C-alpha atoms as a PDB file:
ATOM      1  CA  MET A   1     184.353 -13.946  23.262  1.00  0.00           C
ATOM      2  CA  THR A   2     181.758 -11.142  23.590  1.00  0.00           C
ATOM      3  CA  LYS A   3     180.443  -8.867  20.809  1.00  0.00           C
ATOM      4  CA  THR A   4     180.018  -5.140  21.441  1.00  0.00           C
ATOM      5  CA  LEU A   5     177.504  -3.034  19.627  1.00  0.00           C
ATOM      6  CA  THR A   6     178.808   0.026  17.954  1.00  0.00           C
ATOM      7  CA  GLY A   7     176.916   3.293  17.847  1.00  0.00           C
ATOM      8  CA  GLN A   8     175.939   2.634  14.265  1.00  0.00           C
ATOM      9  CA  GLY A   9     174.387  -0.685  15.013  1.00  0.00           C
ATOM     10  CA  GLY A  10     172.343   0.897  17.899  1.00  0.00           C
ATOM     11  CA  ARG A  11     171.020   3.613  15.552  1.00  0.00           C
ATOM     12  CA  SER A  12     169.857   1.208  12.833  1.00  0.00           C
ATOM     13  CA  GLY A  13     167.993  -0.823  15.575  1.00  0.00           C
ATOM     14  CA  ALA A  14     166.227   2.381  16.832  1.00  0.00           C
ATOM     15  CA  ALA A  15     165.458   3.395  13.233  1.00  0.00           C
ATOM     16  CA  GLN A  16     164.207  -0.051  12.574  1.00  0.00           C
ATOM     17  CA  ALA A  17     162.003  -0.028  15.704  1.00  0.00           C
ATOM     18  CA  LEU A  18     160.545   3.426  14.505  1.00  0.00           C
ATOM     19  CA  ARG A  19     159.927   2.078  11.083  1.00  0.00           C
ATOM     20  CA  SER A  20     158.028  -0.785  12.396  1.00  0.00           C
ATOM     21  CA  LEU A  21     155.990   1.567  14.731  1.00  0.00           C
ATOM     22  CA  PHE A  22     155.231   4.292  12.292  1.00  0.00           C
ATOM     23  CA  ARG A  23     154.377   3.797   8.648  1.00  0.00           C
ATOM     24  CA  LYS A  24     154.633   6.525   5.945  1.00  0.00           C
ATOM     25  CA  GLY A  25     150.880   7.199   6.158  1.00  0.00           C
ATOM     26  CA  ASP A  26     151.213   7.668   9.961  1.00  0.00           C
ATOM     27  CA  ILE A  27     153.952  10.300   9.541  1.00  0.00           C
ATOM     28  CA  ILE A  28     151.961  12.153   6.927  1.00  0.00           C
ATOM     29  CA  LEU A  29     148.886  12.192   9.115  1.00  0.00           C
ATOM     30  CA  LEU A  30     151.068  13.358  12.098  1.00  0.00           C
ATOM     31  CA  LEU A  31     152.445  16.242   9.933  1.00  0.00           C
ATOM     32  CA  VAL A  32     149.025  17.230   8.773  1.00  0.00           C
ATOM     33  CA  LEU A  33     147.818  17.317  12.483  1.00  0.00           C
ATOM     34  CA  LEU A  34     150.734  19.483  13.313  1.00  0.00           C
ATOM     35  CA  VAL A  35     150.089  21.988  10.680  1.00  0.00           C
ATOM     36  CA  ALA A  36     146.286  22.134  11.593  1.00  0.00           C
ATOM     37  CA  VAL A  37     147.267  22.773  15.244  1.00  0.00           C
ATOM     38  CA  ALA A  38     149.722  25.412  14.250  1.00  0.00           C
ATOM     39  CA  LEU A  39     147.131  27.159  12.052  1.00  0.00           C
ATOM     40  CA  SER A  40     144.578  27.097  14.910  1.00  0.00           C
ATOM     41  CA  VAL A  41     146.941  28.575  17.327  1.00  0.00           C
ATOM     42  CA  TRP A  42     147.902  31.307  14.794  1.00  0.00           C
ATOM     43  CA  PHE A  43     144.222  32.164  14.049  1.00  0.00           C
ATOM     44  CA  ALA A  44     143.413  32.184  17.803  1.00  0.00           C
ATOM     45  CA  LEU A  45     146.172  34.568  18.651  1.00  0.00           C
ATOM     46  CA  ARG A  46     146.184  36.867  15.704  1.00  0.00           C
ATOM     47  CA  PRO A  47     145.381  40.597  16.379  1.00  0.00           C
ATOM     48  CA  GLY A  48     141.840  41.902  16.786  1.00  0.00           C
ATOM     49  CA  GLY A  49     139.780  43.295  14.043  1.00  0.00           C
ATOM     50  CA  GLU A  50     140.241  46.867  12.798  1.00  0.00           C
ATOM     51  CA  GLU A  51     136.702  48.156  12.581  1.00  0.00           C
ATOM     52  CA  THR A  52     133.276  47.506  13.899  1.00  0.00           C
ATOM     53  CA  LYS A  53     130.181  47.510  11.674  1.00  0.00           C
ATOM     54  CA  VAL A  54     126.664  48.224  12.926  1.00  0.00           C
ATOM     55  CA  TYR A  55     123.774  46.621  11.156  1.00  0.00           C
ATOM     56  CA  VAL A  56     120.144  47.843  11.694  1.00  0.00           C
ATOM     57  CA  ASP A  57     117.422  45.571  10.290  1.00  0.00           C
ATOM     58  CA  GLY A  58     120.293  43.647   8.413  1.00  0.00           C
ATOM     59  CA  GLU A  59     121.471  46.873   6.673  1.00  0.00           C
ATOM     60  CA  LEU A  60     124.892  48.292   7.262  1.00  0.00           C
ATOM     61  CA  ARG A  61     124.259  51.734   8.888  1.00  0.00           C
ATOM     62  CA  TYR A  62     127.405  52.625  10.817  1.00  0.00           C
ATOM     63  CA  THR A  63     131.228  51.825  10.640  1.00  0.00           C
ATOM     64  CA  PHE A  64     133.574  52.820  13.457  1.00  0.00           C
ATOM     65  CA  SER A  65     137.325  52.414  13.630  1.00  0.00           C
ATOM     66  CA  LEU A  66     138.525  50.480  16.593  1.00  0.00           C
ATOM     67  CA  SER A  67     141.732  52.568  16.778  1.00  0.00           C
ATOM     68  CA  GLN A  68     139.803  55.700  17.786  1.00  0.00           C
ATOM     69  CA  ASP A  69     138.227  55.834  21.205  1.00  0.00           C
ATOM     70  CA  GLY A  70     134.864  57.408  21.485  1.00  0.00           C
ATOM     71  CA  GLU A  71     131.112  57.216  22.267  1.00  0.00           C
ATOM     72  CA  TYR A  72     128.603  57.027  19.281  1.00  0.00           C
ATOM     73  CA  ASP A  73     124.954  57.498  19.650  1.00  0.00           C
ATOM     74  CA  ILE A  74     122.961  55.420  17.090  1.00  0.00           C
ATOM     75  CA  LEU A  75     119.260  55.010  16.395  1.00  0.00           C
ATOM     76  CA  ASP A  76     118.495  58.752  17.251  1.00  0.00           C
ATOM     77  CA  GLY A  77     120.176  58.273  20.679  1.00  0.00           C
ATOM     78  CA  ARG A  78     118.342  55.159  21.702  1.00  0.00           C
ATOM     79  CA  MET A  79     121.744  53.160  21.796  1.00  0.00           C
ATOM     80  CA  THR A  80     125.267  54.384  22.740  1.00  0.00           C
ATOM     81  CA  ILE A  81     128.226  52.331  21.412  1.00  0.00           C
ATOM     82  CA  GLY A  82     131.552  52.810  23.137  1.00  0.00           C
ATOM     83  CA  VAL A  83     135.035  52.174  21.563  1.00  0.00           C
ATOM     84  CA  SER A  84     137.927  51.933  24.021  1.00  0.00           C
ATOM     85  CA  GLY A  85     141.234  50.324  23.731  1.00  0.00           C
ATOM     86  CA  GLY A  86     140.421  48.538  20.526  1.00  0.00           C
ATOM     87  CA  ARG A  87     137.332  46.966  22.138  1.00  0.00           C
ATOM     88  CA  VAL A  88     133.590  47.866  21.256  1.00  0.00           C
ATOM     89  CA  SER A  89     130.779  47.538  23.646  1.00  0.00           C
ATOM     90  CA  VAL A  90     127.175  48.847  24.149  1.00  0.00           C
ATOM     91  CA  LEU A  91     127.160  51.428  26.942  1.00  0.00           C
ATOM     92  CA  ARG A  92     123.502  52.242  26.909  1.00  0.00           C
ATOM     93  CA  SER A  93     120.332  50.954  25.323  1.00  0.00           C
ATOM     94  CA  ASP A  94     116.629  51.512  25.631  1.00  0.00           C
ATOM     95  CA  CYS A  95     115.728  47.810  25.318  1.00  0.00           C
ATOM     96  CA  SER A  96     113.993  46.117  28.300  1.00  0.00           C
ATOM     97  CA  GLU A  97     116.494  43.396  29.110  1.00  0.00           C
ATOM     98  CA  GLN A  98     119.684  45.122  28.627  1.00  0.00           C
ATOM     99  CA  LEU A  99     121.503  41.960  27.392  1.00  0.00           C
ATOM    100  CA  CYS A 100     123.564  43.846  24.821  1.00  0.00           C
ATOM    101  CA  VAL A 101     124.788  46.217  27.606  1.00  0.00           C
ATOM    102  CA  HIS A 102     125.830  43.431  29.802  1.00  0.00           C
ATOM    103  CA  SER A 103     127.618  41.456  26.999  1.00  0.00           C
ATOM    104  CA  ALA A 104     131.277  41.384  26.906  1.00  0.00           C
ATOM    105  CA  ALA A 105     133.187  43.987  24.920  1.00  0.00           C
ATOM    106  CA  GLN A 106     134.394  42.630  21.581  1.00  0.00           C
ATOM    107  CA  SER A 107     137.707  43.136  19.861  1.00  0.00           C
ATOM    108  CA  VAL A 108     138.537  39.863  17.871  1.00  0.00           C
ATOM    109  CA  SER A 109     137.437  39.727  14.191  1.00  0.00           C
ATOM    110  CA  GLY A 110     134.183  37.990  14.049  1.00  0.00           C
ATOM    111  CA  GLY A 111     132.971  39.224  17.529  1.00  0.00           C
ATOM    112  CA  LEU A 112     129.287  40.023  17.690  1.00  0.00           C
ATOM    113  CA  ILE A 113     126.986  41.966  20.032  1.00  0.00           C
ATOM    114  CA  VAL A 114     123.242  41.642  19.266  1.00  0.00           C
ATOM    115  CA  CYS A 115     120.344  43.673  20.544  1.00  0.00           C
ATOM    116  CA  LEU A 116     117.298  41.799  19.371  1.00  0.00           C
ATOM    117  CA  PRO A 117     114.619  44.457  20.476  1.00  0.00           C
ATOM    118  CA  ASN A 118     116.380  47.212  18.516  1.00  0.00           C
ATOM    119  CA  HIS A 119     117.290  44.944  15.536  1.00  0.00           C
ATOM    120  CA  VAL A 120     120.981  45.854  15.874  1.00  0.00           C
ATOM    121  CA  VAL A 121     123.942  43.628  15.229  1.00  0.00           C
ATOM    122  CA  ILE A 122     127.462  44.965  16.014  1.00  0.00           C
ATOM    123  CA  GLU A 123     130.194  42.982  14.273  1.00  0.00           C
ATOM    124  CA  VAL A 124     133.959  43.414  14.704  1.00  0.00           C
ATOM    125  CA  GLY A 125     135.877  42.858  11.405  1.00  0.00           C
ATOM    126  CA  GLU A 126     138.792  43.729   9.315  1.00  0.00           C
ATOM    127  CA  ARG A 127     138.623  46.603   6.758  1.00  0.00           C
ATOM    128  CA  GLU A 128     137.703  45.404   3.315  1.00  0.00           C
ATOM    129  CA  VAL A 129     140.483  46.229   0.695  1.00  0.00           C
ATOM    130  CA  ASP A 130     139.469  45.964  -2.903  1.00  0.00           C
ATOM    131  CA  ALA A 131     141.782  45.659  -5.848  1.00  0.00           C
ATOM    132  CA  VAL A 132     141.966  49.526  -6.392  1.00  0.00           C
ATOM    133  CA  THR A 133     143.059  50.619  -3.054  1.00  0.00           C
END
């Protein structure tokens, strides 16, 4: 006489094997890691910033919208900042090494372009909204 296993008995064996492999703490840790990965992907793929802020000597001097293409002279014409297709870049600068001119155009919130000789920091960010507006 042979015994046959039913589908129900097979499931409980698999469930028993999973229970012995994973404990409750392991499952919680796995869920936390999955949420962290999902948030990381969401932050990496979110849309770019809405505006660019130009700081000279640590003081906010200029703010440009990334939705309007154009070229903007700053520092009495010593630097030209270009906005095109939602990206900001330095088109021209009178500094000696031209590192700011050769840096990649920025569009993601938090992106920076720095020109040390001119003491300029260009930061891409989101518009600040206060409780009133």
